[in-house]
Amino acid sequence: MAKHVIFLIHGMGSFSKDWSADTQKQISSLYATYNIATQLPFDDLFRFEEITYNGRFDKLRKQWKDGAAGVLRELKKGGLPESAAKDLANTEADSTTEEFFGSHVLDVLLYRFIPQVAEEARTLVSKRIQEVIASGSGDTPRWSVIAHSLGTAVAHDSLHAMFTQKVEGRSLQQLTKAQAVIMVANVGRLLEQNSVDVYKSVVCPGFAEHGTCDFYLNIWHEWDPFPRPKAFRPLNDWPDVATRQLRPERFVAAPINAFQHKNVHALSHYLSDPKAHVPILRALSPMAGAITDEELRKASAAHEAATPFGQFEALQAELKKLQIAEEASWKEIIATFKGFFATIRKF
């Protein structure tokens, strides 16, 4: 039987080939710490497919570094408010945050406000997923998506496109559905395209023919500022009343708050927490009850004991200053994101 394909979709920043090697190793190593690994070894069940979509971003980052005026014009043309654009014009002079802004935060703005950038990213992701799914010898493999940060928006928009229209001549509609869509530090609502409401899109869990995945996981760190504005927190009737009442396990909201590293936004930091990776492994597993609640309790206790909060008390105090409102303006959002990278550089 074909192995379950886990598509890994990166977040903001520059990524080259084999960017996911450490992530793959981390996930398989975490799986090996639970009893299920003795019955169903990870490598017998799963294989990874990394997806890189940032070619257009790389070009615009270089253009920004060489001279920001042209990129700023494109951002304003796409709807970036003037007040936010003025702040961006001063970013290059700010040596504390310019490096991270130019390689991370700028990506968020490029995807949201330059349609051609978003379209190219979606096409690359959609094309790769469809190629892999179609490459089997007759059998459509089970598959899932793990996306992080900016990648959550790209993944959502790509999946919605693949299940509602043809992308590069192909469509997944009525052919297959994902086992799990796993969103880590979800910015899907913040970056949603005007034509697609994230809460109303086809990217949702459900049974029978409803939805494009069996399970949808939303994982966020309470001190990570990136998933806070327009946070993905649907009401109890999402995706529909029947799914939430009859199969509530189809949607898992998993907030975490433990500190292991100063960069609480990093994918590796999220995955290290049992309250994040256990729901992920459960959703991927072919066996119900793959990791017991008792295993989760013991793993969480050990994780928290190994990362005493006092070690990060000063960092938390700084991050508290970066708490941002649900409906913050883009000027406030940009200042907060820049402030986050300035903060972690100090620690």
Foldseek 3Di string as FASTA:
>chain_A
DDAAEEEEEEAFFDDDPPSCVVVVVLLLVVLVVFPLCVVPPPVNHYDYDYFDQCPVLVVVLVVCVVPNVVVLVQLVVQPADPVQSVVVVCLVVVVLQNVVCSGGVVVLSCCQRHVVSLVSSLLRVLVVVVCVQVPDDPDRHAYEYEYAHNRLQSVLVNLLDQQPHDRPRHHCHPPAAHLEYEYELHCNQVRPDPVDHSQATLDAADPDNGHRYPAYEYEYEPLDQRCQALHPDDDQQVPHVCCCVVPVRRYHYQYDHADDALPCRDPSNQCQALSRSVSVCCSPDPDHCSGPPVNSVVSNVVVCVVRDCVVCPVSSVQSVVLHDHRNDGPNSSSVSVSSSSSSNVVD
